[in-house]
Protein backbone atom coordinates (compact mmCIF):
# COMPACT_ATOMS: atom_id res chain seq x y z
CA UNK A 1 -0.11 -0.08 0.12
CA UNK A 2 1.45 3.15 -0.66
CA UNK A 3 -0.79 5.98 0.16
CA UNK A 4 0.51 9.75 -0.92
CA UNK A 5 -1.25 13.15 0.84
CA UNK A 6 -2.19 16.30 -1.93
CA UNK A 7 -3.11 19.90 -1.48
CA UNK A 8 -6.73 19.50 -2.28
CA UNK A 9 -9.72 20.76 0.11
CA UNK A 10 -12.92 19.40 0.25
CA UNK A 11 -14.11 23.09 1.74
CA UNK A 12 -13.74 24.63 -1.56
CA UNK A 13 -16.00 22.88 -3.52
CA UNK A 14 -19.25 24.31 -3.52
CA UNK A 15 -22.30 22.02 -2.46
CA UNK A 16 -23.91 20.80 -5.42
CA UNK A 17 -20.80 21.22 -8.12
CA UNK A 18 -18.38 19.47 -9.27
CA UNK A 19 -15.00 19.36 -9.35
CA UNK A 20 -12.35 17.53 -10.80
CA UNK A 21 -8.53 17.24 -8.90
CA UNK A 22 -5.36 16.00 -10.14
CA UNK A 23 -2.04 15.30 -9.23
CA UNK A 24 1.77 14.05 -10.46
CA UNK A 25 1.81 10.84 -8.16
CA UNK A 26 5.24 9.13 -7.14
CA UNK A 27 5.03 5.22 -7.52
CA UNK A 28 8.85 4.98 -7.44
CA UNK A 29 9.14 3.04 -4.43
CA UNK A 30 5.72 1.08 -5.67
CA UNK A 31 6.05 -2.78 -6.46
CA UNK A 32 5.52 -3.43 -10.07
CA UNK A 33 1.99 -5.40 -10.58
CA UNK A 34 -1.74 -4.47 -10.27
CA UNK A 35 -3.00 -2.05 -7.61
CA UNK A 36 -6.98 -0.74 -6.80
CA UNK A 37 -6.87 2.81 -6.32
CA UNK A 38 -8.82 4.39 -3.80
CA UNK A 39 -9.29 8.14 -2.18
CA UNK A 40 -10.54 9.24 1.44
CA UNK A 41 -11.71 13.02 1.95
CA UNK A 42 -10.65 14.45 5.05
CA UNK A 43 -13.50 16.33 7.01
CA UNK A 44 -12.22 19.71 7.62
CA UNK A 45 -13.97 19.49 10.78
CA UNK A 46 -12.55 18.13 13.75
CA UNK A 47 -14.68 16.73 15.05
CA UNK A 48 -17.34 16.37 11.46
CA UNK A 49 -18.25 12.96 10.73
CA UNK A 50 -16.36 11.16 7.99
CA UNK A 51 -16.45 12.23 4.49
CA UNK A 52 -18.14 10.28 1.83
CA UNK A 53 -18.51 10.44 -1.46
CA UNK A 54 -22.74 9.77 -3.55
CA UNK A 55 -20.78 7.69 -5.65
CA UNK A 56 -22.06 3.59 -6.64
CA UNK A 57 -18.53 2.89 -5.19
CA UNK A 58 -18.19 4.55 -1.87
CA UNK A 59 -16.64 1.23 -0.13
CA UNK A 60 -16.75 -0.96 -2.60
CA UNK A 61 -12.83 -1.82 -2.12
CA UNK A 62 -12.33 -0.83 2.08
CA UNK A 63 -14.57 0.43 4.27
CA UNK A 64 -15.12 4.24 3.77
CA UNK A 65 -12.86 4.16 1.20
CA UNK A 66 -13.84 5.26 -2.53
CA UNK A 67 -12.61 3.36 -5.32
CA UNK A 68 -11.17 5.18 -8.35
CA UNK A 69 -10.24 2.14 -10.53
CA UNK A 70 -7.22 0.46 -11.48
CA UNK A 71 -3.55 0.41 -13.00
CA UNK A 72 -0.88 -1.24 -13.25
CA UNK A 73 2.86 -0.21 -12.25
CA UNK A 74 5.51 -1.28 -14.57
CA UNK A 75 9.49 -2.20 -13.97
């Protein structure tokens, strides 16, 4: 498993709006193979409820995470 932290903040998205976030993430420390890509949002409120996405793939792979898809890392 590899985790990356981005400078995205979900609190910049207006209610009901759509937003596309992009990033270039280094896979240099990831072994070659096929992987499932997941995302988890952090609630900006210290005592807020966990962030959940209104998407069919929420919790599909791991509880509390949104599954984005599959990818491969090549040597």
